[in-house]
Amino acid sequence: MPLGVLTHPNQLVHWTARESLPFMSSEIPAPVAAVLGVLDLDQDPHEPDLFQGGSLPQPNGRVFGGQVLAQSLLAAGRTMEEHRLPHSMHGYFLRPGSLDEPITFAVERLRDGRSFSARRTHALQGGAPILSMIASFQQEQDGVDYADEMPADVPDPEHVTSALDVLGGIDHPVAKFWTQEAAFDVRHVGGSIYLGPAPDSDGRQMAWFRSRGPVPDDQLLHRALLAYACDQVMLEPILRRAGQSWVSRGMSIASLDHAMWWHRDVHVDDWLLFVQSSPSAQGGRGLGAARVFTREGTLVASIAQEGMVRLPQ
């Protein structure tokens, strides 16, 4: 549906809830179940390309960018009439999202070819886009197959300190949010920048990621969850290279755009290694890049995100 058709999200009042999904099982920790629940979008019964979703609470009072990215991708994926998975996505964060009102996802079917399909999703609140995303989907096909190798001598995640250990004992709302309510276990190789800058400023970072519980065996969902999770760390290499941290006083930081390529199937409930860098920063903006490997060393995704990073003079 073209942008501008909706004047207000309340214009769509009758939505179809999906059947109960496996993630409602008590075996899945509450933080993981909460993320899976918010990604389970409702569909307008009269407009199959319109969906609606809610938002998880955030300490800053705004919609988490990774959440709306994942929701937009899932909305696009649910318009596929054949089994095709996303191989690339490009999105722009246009406005802060409000936690107090639902998000409408309007999908445009741009093309359905013999092998590839293209979709554009506008995430709307109050009739205005908070995110605009285009994604390409492909049927499974054979072809040339090679990939870069994972860096050697990376410590196993069991030997790396978790964010839960770093922040778990701190009595602060943000620290509690990213530990008690976090759906992903994040472990920074060589130390995090949660509480202070890194000892060096080369901008390089490696971090292990894994969901804190099992996820249904749905490859579209796993790819969307990778988009959700990566938004937590994509701008950290910029802060590292600038000699800053998440507690730098007076800092203003926000995601501007996001690009992602899935090379192979990914499973977020297995350990994934993010190998990150920041090639450039200028004009109040910085670029973060990441390659994502399985524990066995298979390259499954590449990611780039530009963010606004403003620091006091």
C-alpha atoms as a PDB file:
ATOM      1  CA  MET A   1       0.000   0.000   0.000  1.00  0.00           C
ATOM      2  CA  PRO A   2       1.452   3.435  -0.918  1.00  0.00           C
ATOM      3  CA  LEU A   3       2.583   5.675   1.898  1.00  0.00           C
ATOM      4  CA  GLY A   4      -0.085   8.127   3.025  1.00  0.00           C
ATOM      5  CA  VAL A   5      -3.129   5.868   2.667  1.00  0.00           C
ATOM      6  CA  LEU A   6      -3.531   5.648   6.431  1.00  0.00           C
ATOM      7  CA  THR A   7      -4.499   8.768   8.309  1.00  0.00           C
ATOM      8  CA  HIS A   8      -4.358   7.239  11.782  1.00  0.00           C
ATOM      9  CA  PRO A   9      -3.575   3.773  13.116  1.00  0.00           C
ATOM     10  CA  ASN A  10      -6.969   3.611  14.820  1.00  0.00           C
ATOM     11  CA  GLN A  11      -8.484   3.649  11.336  1.00  0.00           C
ATOM     12  CA  LEU A  12      -7.832  -0.125  11.382  1.00  0.00           C
ATOM     13  CA  VAL A  13      -9.865  -1.546  14.214  1.00  0.00           C
ATOM     14  CA  HIS A  14     -10.513  -5.188  13.342  1.00  0.00           C
ATOM     15  CA  TRP A  15      -7.396  -7.299  13.351  1.00  0.00           C
ATOM     16  CA  THR A  16      -6.938 -11.051  13.074  1.00  0.00           C
ATOM     17  CA  ALA A  17      -4.794 -12.603  15.798  1.00  0.00           C
ATOM     18  CA  ARG A  18      -2.634 -15.550  14.774  1.00  0.00           C
ATOM     19  CA  GLU A  19      -2.969 -18.969  16.381  1.00  0.00           C
ATOM     20  CA  SER A  20      -0.971 -19.653  19.540  1.00  0.00           C
ATOM     21  CA  LEU A  21       2.685 -20.213  18.759  1.00  0.00           C
ATOM     22  CA  PRO A  22       5.224 -22.550  20.376  1.00  0.00           C
ATOM     23  CA  PHE A  23       6.967 -19.682  22.145  1.00  0.00           C
ATOM     24  CA  MET A  24       4.103 -19.479  24.625  1.00  0.00           C
ATOM     25  CA  SER A  25       5.575 -22.598  26.241  1.00  0.00           C
ATOM     26  CA  SER A  26       6.763 -22.196  29.820  1.00  0.00           C
ATOM     27  CA  GLU A  27      10.146 -23.592  28.720  1.00  0.00           C
ATOM     28  CA  ILE A  28      11.066 -20.241  27.173  1.00  0.00           C
ATOM     29  CA  PRO A  29      12.274 -17.477  29.566  1.00  0.00           C
ATOM     30  CA  ALA A  30       9.938 -14.524  29.945  1.00  0.00           C
ATOM     31  CA  PRO A  31      12.257 -11.972  28.222  1.00  0.00           C
ATOM     32  CA  VAL A  32      12.514 -14.159  25.094  1.00  0.00           C
ATOM     33  CA  ALA A  33       8.781 -14.874  25.107  1.00  0.00           C
ATOM     34  CA  ALA A  34       8.091 -11.133  25.359  1.00  0.00           C
ATOM     35  CA  VAL A  35      10.154 -10.401  22.230  1.00  0.00           C
ATOM     36  CA  LEU A  36       8.576 -13.277  20.322  1.00  0.00           C
ATOM     37  CA  GLY A  37       5.154 -12.061  21.373  1.00  0.00           C
ATOM     38  CA  VAL A  38       5.668  -8.518  20.128  1.00  0.00           C
ATOM     39  CA  LEU A  39       6.972  -9.884  16.802  1.00  0.00           C
ATOM     40  CA  ASP A  40       3.767 -11.900  16.306  1.00  0.00           C
ATOM     41  CA  LEU A  41       1.910  -9.278  14.268  1.00  0.00           C
ATOM     42  CA  ASP A  42      -1.854  -9.063  13.805  1.00  0.00           C
ATOM     43  CA  GLN A  43      -3.178  -8.956  10.241  1.00  0.00           C
ATOM     44  CA  ASP A  44      -6.041  -6.816   8.952  1.00  0.00           C
ATOM     45  CA  PRO A  45      -8.672  -9.323   7.707  1.00  0.00           C
ATOM     46  CA  HIS A  46      -9.745  -6.963   4.904  1.00  0.00           C
ATOM     47  CA  GLU A  47      -6.288  -5.793   3.775  1.00  0.00           C
ATOM     48  CA  PRO A  48      -3.798  -8.704   3.641  1.00  0.00           C
ATOM     49  CA  ASP A  49      -0.841  -6.333   3.289  1.00  0.00           C
ATOM     50  CA  LEU A  50      -1.594  -4.407   6.489  1.00  0.00           C
ATOM     51  CA  PHE A  51      -0.389  -5.538   9.904  1.00  0.00           C
ATOM     52  CA  GLN A  52      -0.318  -4.102  13.409  1.00  0.00           C
ATOM     53  CA  GLY A  53       2.007  -4.630  16.345  1.00  0.00           C
ATOM     54  CA  GLY A  54       2.832  -3.290  19.767  1.00  0.00           C
ATOM     55  CA  SER A  55       6.120  -2.363  21.427  1.00  0.00           C
ATOM     56  CA  LEU A  56       8.172  -3.528  24.365  1.00  0.00           C
ATOM     57  CA  PRO A  57       8.910  -1.026  27.157  1.00  0.00           C
ATOM     58  CA  GLN A  58      12.225   0.805  26.886  1.00  0.00           C
ATOM     59  CA  PRO A  59      14.108   2.892  29.482  1.00  0.00           C
ATOM     60  CA  ASN A  60      14.289   5.885  27.108  1.00  0.00           C
ATOM     61  CA  GLY A  61      10.549   5.820  26.393  1.00  0.00           C
ATOM     62  CA  ARG A  62      10.998   5.277  22.638  1.00  0.00           C
ATOM     63  CA  VAL A  63      10.461   2.269  20.384  1.00  0.00           C
ATOM     64  CA  PHE A  64      13.612   0.140  20.062  1.00  0.00           C
ATOM     65  CA  GLY A  65      14.917   0.360  16.493  1.00  0.00           C
ATOM     66  CA  GLY A  66      15.746  -3.336  16.274  1.00  0.00           C
ATOM     67  CA  GLN A  67      12.167  -4.177  17.201  1.00  0.00           C
ATOM     68  CA  VAL A  68      10.566  -2.152  14.411  1.00  0.00           C
ATOM     69  CA  LEU A  69      13.159  -3.474  11.923  1.00  0.00           C
ATOM     70  CA  ALA A  70      12.287  -7.052  12.825  1.00  0.00           C
ATOM     71  CA  GLN A  71       8.551  -6.371  12.730  1.00  0.00           C
ATOM     72  CA  SER A  72       8.816  -4.700   9.312  1.00  0.00           C
ATOM     73  CA  LEU A  73      10.753  -7.654   7.922  1.00  0.00           C
ATOM     74  CA  LEU A  74       8.255 -10.157   9.303  1.00  0.00           C
ATOM     75  CA  ALA A  75       5.334  -8.197   7.836  1.00  0.00           C
ATOM     76  CA  ALA A  76       7.024  -8.266   4.435  1.00  0.00           C
ATOM     77  CA  GLY A  77       7.768 -11.970   4.772  1.00  0.00           C
ATOM     78  CA  ARG A  78       4.155 -12.805   5.505  1.00  0.00           C
ATOM     79  CA  THR A  79       3.135 -11.500   2.074  1.00  0.00           C
ATOM     80  CA  MET A  80       5.260 -14.130   0.305  1.00  0.00           C
ATOM     81  CA  GLU A  81       3.038 -16.542  -1.623  1.00  0.00           C
ATOM     82  CA  GLU A  82       5.980 -18.905  -2.181  1.00  0.00           C
ATOM     83  CA  HIS A  83       8.665 -19.976   0.279  1.00  0.00           C
ATOM     84  CA  ARG A  84      11.271 -17.242  -0.103  1.00  0.00           C
ATOM     85  CA  LEU A  85      13.592 -15.943   2.604  1.00  0.00           C
ATOM     86  CA  PRO A  86      15.079 -12.457   2.954  1.00  0.00           C
ATOM     87  CA  HIS A  87      18.647 -12.093   1.713  1.00  0.00           C
ATOM     88  CA  SER A  88      18.965  -8.298   2.079  1.00  0.00           C
ATOM     89  CA  MET A  89      17.294  -5.384   3.822  1.00  0.00           C
ATOM     90  CA  HIS A  90      17.810  -1.618   3.807  1.00  0.00           C
ATOM     91  CA  GLY A  91      15.943   0.631   6.228  1.00  0.00           C
ATOM     92  CA  TYR A  92      15.842   4.262   7.354  1.00  0.00           C
ATOM     93  CA  PHE A  93      14.838   5.333  10.840  1.00  0.00           C
ATOM     94  CA  LEU A  94      12.758   8.447  10.175  1.00  0.00           C
ATOM     95  CA  ARG A  95      11.124   9.401  13.488  1.00  0.00           C
ATOM     96  CA  PRO A  96      11.207   8.257  17.109  1.00  0.00           C
ATOM     97  CA  GLY A  97       8.455   5.753  17.775  1.00  0.00           C
ATOM     98  CA  SER A  98       6.009   6.138  20.660  1.00  0.00           C
ATOM     99  CA  LEU A  99       5.509   3.263  23.086  1.00  0.00           C
ATOM    100  CA  ASP A 100       1.972   4.431  23.819  1.00  0.00           C
ATOM    101  CA  GLU A 101       0.361   3.591  20.470  1.00  0.00           C
ATOM    102  CA  PRO A 102       0.443   0.588  18.143  1.00  0.00           C
ATOM    103  CA  ILE A 103       2.501   0.501  14.958  1.00  0.00           C
ATOM    104  CA  THR A 104       0.850  -0.148  11.595  1.00  0.00           C
ATOM    105  CA  PHE A 105       2.947  -1.960   8.983  1.00  0.00           C
ATOM    106  CA  ALA A 106       1.899  -1.281   5.377  1.00  0.00           C
ATOM    107  CA  VAL A 107       3.594  -3.598   2.873  1.00  0.00           C
ATOM    108  CA  GLU A 108       4.028  -2.817  -0.829  1.00  0.00           C
ATOM    109  CA  ARG A 109       4.529  -5.757  -3.172  1.00  0.00           C
ATOM    110  CA  LEU A 110       7.110  -4.261  -5.512  1.00  0.00           C
ATOM    111  CA  ARG A 111       7.980  -7.348  -7.541  1.00  0.00           C
ATOM    112  CA  ASP A 112       7.574 -11.114  -7.677  1.00  0.00           C
ATOM    113  CA  GLY A 113       9.961 -12.647 -10.196  1.00  0.00           C
ATOM    114  CA  ARG A 114      10.901 -16.236 -10.896  1.00  0.00           C
ATOM    115  CA  SER A 115      13.611 -16.221  -8.201  1.00  0.00           C
ATOM    116  CA  PHE A 116      13.401 -12.925  -6.312  1.00  0.00           C
ATOM    117  CA  SER A 117      10.684 -10.871  -4.636  1.00  0.00           C
ATOM    118  CA  ALA A 118      10.925  -7.287  -3.381  1.00  0.00           C
ATOM    119  CA  ARG A 119       8.830  -5.687  -0.637  1.00  0.00           C
ATOM    120  CA  ARG A 120       8.708  -2.239   0.933  1.00  0.00           C
ATOM    121  CA  THR A 121       7.337  -1.839   4.451  1.00  0.00           C
ATOM    122  CA  HIS A 122       6.341   1.472   6.013  1.00  0.00           C
ATOM    123  CA  ALA A 123       6.052   1.391   9.799  1.00  0.00           C
ATOM    124  CA  LEU A 124       3.481   4.048  10.700  1.00  0.00           C
ATOM    125  CA  GLN A 125       2.289   5.870  13.783  1.00  0.00           C
ATOM    126  CA  GLY A 126      -0.274   8.641  13.543  1.00  0.00           C
ATOM    127  CA  GLY A 127      -0.192   8.262   9.755  1.00  0.00           C
ATOM    128  CA  ALA A 128       3.516   9.179   9.588  1.00  0.00           C
ATOM    129  CA  PRO A 129       6.394   6.744   8.943  1.00  0.00           C
ATOM    130  CA  ILE A 130       8.793   6.010  11.773  1.00  0.00           C
ATOM    131  CA  LEU A 131      10.746   3.572   9.566  1.00  0.00           C
ATOM    132  CA  SER A 132      10.807   2.797   5.856  1.00  0.00           C
ATOM    133  CA  MET A 133      12.369  -0.494   4.778  1.00  0.00           C
ATOM    134  CA  ILE A 134      12.865  -2.392   1.533  1.00  0.00           C
ATOM    135  CA  ALA A 135      13.780  -6.076   1.523  1.00  0.00           C
ATOM    136  CA  SER A 136      14.573  -8.652  -1.124  1.00  0.00           C
ATOM    137  CA  PHE A 137      13.586 -12.316  -0.842  1.00  0.00           C
ATOM    138  CA  GLN A 138      14.893 -15.289  -2.812  1.00  0.00           C
ATOM    139  CA  GLN A 139      14.012 -18.898  -3.449  1.00  0.00           C
ATOM    140  CA  GLU A 140      16.654 -21.370  -2.313  1.00  0.00           C
ATOM    141  CA  GLN A 141      19.095 -21.907  -5.182  1.00  0.00           C
ATOM    142  CA  ASP A 142      22.487 -23.473  -5.862  1.00  0.00           C
ATOM    143  CA  GLY A 143      25.459 -21.371  -6.990  1.00  0.00           C
ATOM    144  CA  VAL A 144      29.022 -20.268  -6.280  1.00  0.00           C
ATOM    145  CA  ASP A 145      29.704 -20.722  -2.569  1.00  0.00           C
ATOM    146  CA  TYR A 146      32.607 -19.210  -0.579  1.00  0.00           C
ATOM    147  CA  ALA A 147      33.063 -16.963   2.452  1.00  0.00           C
ATOM    148  CA  ASP A 148      35.658 -15.213   4.594  1.00  0.00           C
ATOM    149  CA  GLU A 149      36.873 -17.152   7.585  1.00  0.00           C
ATOM    150  CA  MET A 150      36.211 -16.277  11.199  1.00  0.00           C
ATOM    151  CA  PRO A 151      39.181 -14.752  13.053  1.00  0.00           C
ATOM    152  CA  ALA A 152      41.401 -17.333  14.714  1.00  0.00           C
ATOM    153  CA  ASP A 153      41.932 -17.809  18.446  1.00  0.00           C
ATOM    154  CA  VAL A 154      38.659 -16.214  19.552  1.00  0.00           C
ATOM    155  CA  PRO A 155      37.823 -17.367  23.095  1.00  0.00           C
ATOM    156  CA  ASP A 156      34.721 -19.518  23.442  1.00  0.00           C
ATOM    157  CA  PRO A 157      31.661 -17.714  24.841  1.00  0.00           C
ATOM    158  CA  GLU A 158      31.880 -19.806  28.020  1.00  0.00           C
ATOM    159  CA  HIS A 159      35.171 -18.030  28.749  1.00  0.00           C
ATOM    160  CA  VAL A 160      33.891 -14.495  28.085  1.00  0.00           C
ATOM    161  CA  THR A 161      32.174 -12.280  30.663  1.00  0.00           C
ATOM    162  CA  SER A 162      28.467 -11.726  30.055  1.00  0.00           C
ATOM    163  CA  ALA A 163      26.654  -8.398  30.215  1.00  0.00           C
ATOM    164  CA  LEU A 164      24.584 -10.075  32.923  1.00  0.00           C
ATOM    165  CA  ASP A 165      27.730 -10.315  35.054  1.00  0.00           C
ATOM    166  CA  VAL A 166      28.901  -6.749  34.282  1.00  0.00           C
ATOM    167  CA  LEU A 167      25.593  -4.979  34.889  1.00  0.00           C
ATOM    168  CA  GLY A 168      23.641  -7.443  37.013  1.00  0.00           C
ATOM    169  CA  GLY A 169      24.722  -6.013  40.360  1.00  0.00           C
ATOM    170  CA  ILE A 170      24.093  -2.359  39.473  1.00  0.00           C
ATOM    171  CA  ASP A 171      20.957  -0.792  40.960  1.00  0.00           C
ATOM    172  CA  HIS A 172      19.959   1.342  37.988  1.00  0.00           C
ATOM    173  CA  PRO A 173      16.871   1.084  35.701  1.00  0.00           C
ATOM    174  CA  VAL A 174      18.931   0.806  32.501  1.00  0.00           C
ATOM    175  CA  ALA A 175      21.250  -1.824  33.992  1.00  0.00           C
ATOM    176  CA  LYS A 176      18.272  -3.838  35.205  1.00  0.00           C
ATOM    177  CA  PHE A 177      16.579  -3.531  31.823  1.00  0.00           C
ATOM    178  CA  TRP A 178      19.576  -4.884  29.873  1.00  0.00           C
ATOM    179  CA  THR A 179      20.054  -7.777  32.305  1.00  0.00           C
ATOM    180  CA  GLN A 180      16.810  -8.932  33.922  1.00  0.00           C
ATOM    181  CA  GLU A 181      14.666  -8.098  30.867  1.00  0.00           C
ATOM    182  CA  ALA A 182      17.205  -8.794  28.107  1.00  0.00           C
ATOM    183  CA  ALA A 183      16.240 -11.479  25.592  1.00  0.00           C
ATOM    184  CA  PHE A 184      19.861 -11.979  24.467  1.00  0.00           C
ATOM    185  CA  ASP A 185      23.021 -12.906  26.319  1.00  0.00           C
ATOM    186  CA  VAL A 186      25.786 -10.574  25.038  1.00  0.00           C
ATOM    187  CA  ARG A 187      29.441 -11.276  25.791  1.00  0.00           C
ATOM    188  CA  HIS A 188      32.116  -8.809  24.652  1.00  0.00           C
ATOM    189  CA  VAL A 189      35.492 -10.370  23.905  1.00  0.00           C
ATOM    190  CA  GLY A 190      38.101  -8.259  25.702  1.00  0.00           C
ATOM    191  CA  GLY A 191      35.543  -6.308  27.705  1.00  0.00           C
ATOM    192  CA  SER A 192      32.523  -4.077  27.095  1.00  0.00           C
ATOM    193  CA  ILE A 193      32.128  -0.283  27.066  1.00  0.00           C
ATOM    194  CA  TYR A 194      29.045  -0.229  29.296  1.00  0.00           C
ATOM    195  CA  LEU A 195      30.785   1.517  32.189  1.00  0.00           C
ATOM    196  CA  GLY A 196      33.797   3.175  30.579  1.00  0.00           C
ATOM    197  CA  PRO A 197      35.833   3.509  27.373  1.00  0.00           C
ATOM    198  CA  ALA A 198      37.920   0.713  25.893  1.00  0.00           C
ATOM    199  CA  PRO A 199      41.665   0.683  26.679  1.00  0.00           C
ATOM    200  CA  ASP A 200      42.464   1.094  22.967  1.00  0.00           C
ATOM    201  CA  SER A 201      40.737   3.142  20.268  1.00  0.00           C
ATOM    202  CA  ASP A 202      41.036   1.083  17.084  1.00  0.00           C
ATOM    203  CA  GLY A 203      37.253   0.650  16.890  1.00  0.00           C
ATOM    204  CA  ARG A 204      37.436  -3.134  16.635  1.00  0.00           C
ATOM    205  CA  GLN A 205      35.051  -5.254  18.650  1.00  0.00           C
ATOM    206  CA  MET A 206      33.996  -8.879  18.893  1.00  0.00           C
ATOM    207  CA  ALA A 207      30.933 -10.014  20.798  1.00  0.00           C
ATOM    208  CA  TRP A 208      29.140 -13.325  21.249  1.00  0.00           C
ATOM    209  CA  PHE A 209      25.322 -13.304  21.028  1.00  0.00           C
ATOM    210  CA  ARG A 210      22.689 -15.919  21.834  1.00  0.00           C
ATOM    211  CA  SER A 211      19.027 -15.767  22.823  1.00  0.00           C
ATOM    212  CA  ARG A 212      18.423 -16.679  26.455  1.00  0.00           C
ATOM    213  CA  GLY A 213      16.055 -19.469  25.444  1.00  0.00           C
ATOM    214  CA  PRO A 214      14.950 -21.601  22.485  1.00  0.00           C
ATOM    215  CA  VAL A 215      13.267 -20.020  19.473  1.00  0.00           C
ATOM    216  CA  PRO A 216      10.747 -21.767  17.157  1.00  0.00           C
ATOM    217  CA  ASP A 217      12.354 -23.358  14.104  1.00  0.00           C
ATOM    218  CA  ASP A 218      11.248 -20.686  11.626  1.00  0.00           C
ATOM    219  CA  GLN A 219      14.076 -19.275   9.506  1.00  0.00           C
ATOM    220  CA  LEU A 220      12.247 -16.012   8.735  1.00  0.00           C
ATOM    221  CA  LEU A 221      11.804 -15.474  12.477  1.00  0.00           C
ATOM    222  CA  HIS A 222      15.482 -16.224  13.198  1.00  0.00           C
ATOM    223  CA  ARG A 223      16.611 -13.744  10.528  1.00  0.00           C
ATOM    224  CA  ALA A 224      14.273 -11.112  11.951  1.00  0.00           C
ATOM    225  CA  LEU A 225      15.592 -11.768  15.456  1.00  0.00           C
ATOM    226  CA  LEU A 226      19.144 -11.230  14.225  1.00  0.00           C
ATOM    227  CA  ALA A 227      18.020  -7.795  12.992  1.00  0.00           C
ATOM    228  CA  TYR A 228      16.430  -7.197  16.395  1.00  0.00           C
ATOM    229  CA  ALA A 229      19.504  -8.206  18.369  1.00  0.00           C
ATOM    230  CA  CYS A 230      22.221  -6.516  16.339  1.00  0.00           C
ATOM    231  CA  ASP A 231      20.812  -3.028  16.900  1.00  0.00           C
ATOM    232  CA  GLN A 232      22.105  -3.251  20.488  1.00  0.00           C
ATOM    233  CA  VAL A 233      25.765  -3.153  19.437  1.00  0.00           C
ATOM    234  CA  MET A 234      26.070  -1.811  15.879  1.00  0.00           C
ATOM    235  CA  LEU A 235      27.185   1.672  16.955  1.00  0.00           C
ATOM    236  CA  GLU A 236      29.563   0.529  19.697  1.00  0.00           C
ATOM    237  CA  PRO A 237      32.660   0.435  17.415  1.00  0.00           C
ATOM    238  CA  ILE A 238      32.129   4.152  16.755  1.00  0.00           C
ATOM    239  CA  LEU A 239      32.194   4.857  20.487  1.00  0.00           C
ATOM    240  CA  ARG A 240      35.277   2.678  20.910  1.00  0.00           C
ATOM    241  CA  ARG A 241      37.189   4.467  18.160  1.00  0.00           C
ATOM    242  CA  ALA A 242      36.162   7.859  19.577  1.00  0.00           C
ATOM    243  CA  GLY A 243      37.359   6.859  23.061  1.00  0.00           C
ATOM    244  CA  GLN A 244      33.823   7.024  24.451  1.00  0.00           C
ATOM    245  CA  SER A 245      31.407   4.674  26.209  1.00  0.00           C
ATOM    246  CA  TRP A 246      27.694   4.317  26.936  1.00  0.00           C
ATOM    247  CA  VAL A 247      28.127   6.474  30.064  1.00  0.00           C
ATOM    248  CA  SER A 248      29.847   9.400  28.303  1.00  0.00           C
ATOM    249  CA  ARG A 249      28.246  12.577  29.604  1.00  0.00           C
ATOM    250  CA  GLY A 250      26.263  14.716  27.204  1.00  0.00           C
ATOM    251  CA  MET A 251      26.392  12.197  24.358  1.00  0.00           C
ATOM    252  CA  SER A 252      23.501  12.027  21.873  1.00  0.00           C
ATOM    253  CA  ILE A 253      23.302   8.842  19.797  1.00  0.00           C
ATOM    254  CA  ALA A 254      20.672   7.398  17.459  1.00  0.00           C
ATOM    255  CA  SER A 255      20.474   4.955  14.547  1.00  0.00           C
ATOM    256  CA  LEU A 256      19.932   6.590  11.139  1.00  0.00           C
ATOM    257  CA  ASP A 257      19.889   3.699   8.683  1.00  0.00           C
ATOM    258  CA  HIS A 258      20.491  -0.026   8.619  1.00  0.00           C
ATOM    259  CA  ALA A 259      21.616  -2.460   5.927  1.00  0.00           C
ATOM    260  CA  MET A 260      21.761  -6.207   6.301  1.00  0.00           C
ATOM    261  CA  TRP A 261      22.622  -9.213   4.145  1.00  0.00           C
ATOM    262  CA  TRP A 262      21.866 -12.804   5.158  1.00  0.00           C
ATOM    263  CA  HIS A 263      24.236 -15.197   3.416  1.00  0.00           C
ATOM    264  CA  ARG A 264      23.142 -18.466   5.005  1.00  0.00           C
ATOM    265  CA  ASP A 265      20.626 -19.799   7.518  1.00  0.00           C
ATOM    266  CA  VAL A 266      21.049 -18.384  10.995  1.00  0.00           C
ATOM    267  CA  HIS A 267      19.948 -19.666  14.389  1.00  0.00           C
ATOM    268  CA  VAL A 268      19.897 -17.044  17.123  1.00  0.00           C
ATOM    269  CA  ASP A 269      19.507 -19.655  19.861  1.00  0.00           C
ATOM    270  CA  ASP A 270      23.027 -20.894  19.006  1.00  0.00           C
ATOM    271  CA  TRP A 271      26.081 -18.742  19.741  1.00  0.00           C
ATOM    272  CA  LEU A 272      26.907 -16.159  17.050  1.00  0.00           C
ATOM    273  CA  LEU A 273      30.089 -14.063  16.898  1.00  0.00           C
ATOM    274  CA  PHE A 274      29.892 -10.418  15.782  1.00  0.00           C
ATOM    275  CA  VAL A 275      33.203  -9.197  14.320  1.00  0.00           C
ATOM    276  CA  GLN A 276      32.869  -5.410  14.177  1.00  0.00           C
ATOM    277  CA  SER A 277      34.661  -2.253  13.044  1.00  0.00           C
ATOM    278  CA  SER A 278      34.037   1.415  12.304  1.00  0.00           C
ATOM    279  CA  PRO A 279      35.700   2.582   9.061  1.00  0.00           C
ATOM    280  CA  SER A 280      34.677   6.241   9.328  1.00  0.00           C
ATOM    281  CA  ALA A 281      33.035   8.977  11.384  1.00  0.00           C
ATOM    282  CA  GLN A 282      32.392  12.562  10.291  1.00  0.00           C
ATOM    283  CA  GLY A 283      29.768  15.306  10.446  1.00  0.00           C
ATOM    284  CA  GLY A 284      28.177  13.963  13.613  1.00  0.00           C
ATOM    285  CA  ARG A 285      27.713  10.554  11.958  1.00  0.00           C
ATOM    286  CA  GLY A 286      29.596   7.264  12.212  1.00  0.00           C
ATOM    287  CA  LEU A 287      29.463   3.942  10.406  1.00  0.00           C
ATOM    288  CA  GLY A 288      29.454   0.590  12.179  1.00  0.00           C
ATOM    289  CA  ALA A 289      30.058  -2.653  10.298  1.00  0.00           C
ATOM    290  CA  ALA A 290      29.778  -6.285  11.356  1.00  0.00           C
ATOM    291  CA  ARG A 291      30.277  -9.792  10.034  1.00  0.00           C
ATOM    292  CA  VAL A 292      28.357 -12.521  11.857  1.00  0.00           C
ATOM    293  CA  PHE A 293      29.743 -16.052  12.212  1.00  0.00           C
ATOM    294  CA  THR A 294      28.408 -19.241  13.737  1.00  0.00           C
ATOM    295  CA  ARG A 295      30.406 -20.859  16.503  1.00  0.00           C
ATOM    296  CA  GLU A 296      31.730 -23.304  13.878  1.00  0.00           C
ATOM    297  CA  GLY A 297      33.084 -20.407  11.797  1.00  0.00           C
ATOM    298  CA  THR A 298      30.439 -20.108   9.059  1.00  0.00           C
ATOM    299  CA  LEU A 299      29.712 -16.571   7.843  1.00  0.00           C
ATOM    300  CA  VAL A 300      25.930 -16.114   8.027  1.00  0.00           C
ATOM    301  CA  ALA A 301      25.381 -12.345   7.718  1.00  0.00           C
ATOM    302  CA  SER A 302      26.940  -8.944   7.075  1.00  0.00           C
ATOM    303  CA  ILE A 303      25.564  -5.742   8.593  1.00  0.00           C
ATOM    304  CA  ALA A 304      26.173  -1.990   8.313  1.00  0.00           C
ATOM    305  CA  GLN A 305      24.554   0.798  10.299  1.00  0.00           C
ATOM    306  CA  GLU A 306      25.126   4.544  10.277  1.00  0.00           C
ATOM    307  CA  GLY A 307      24.292   6.480  13.381  1.00  0.00           C
ATOM    308  CA  MET A 308      24.171  10.017  14.665  1.00  0.00           C
ATOM    309  CA  VAL A 309      26.847  10.405  17.339  1.00  0.00           C
ATOM    310  CA  ARG A 310      27.141  13.858  18.882  1.00  0.00           C
ATOM    311  CA  LEU A 311      29.496  14.645  21.738  1.00  0.00           C
ATOM    312  CA  PRO A 312      30.018  17.831  23.772  1.00  0.00           C
ATOM    313  CA  GLN A 313      32.780  20.043  22.437  1.00  0.00           C
END
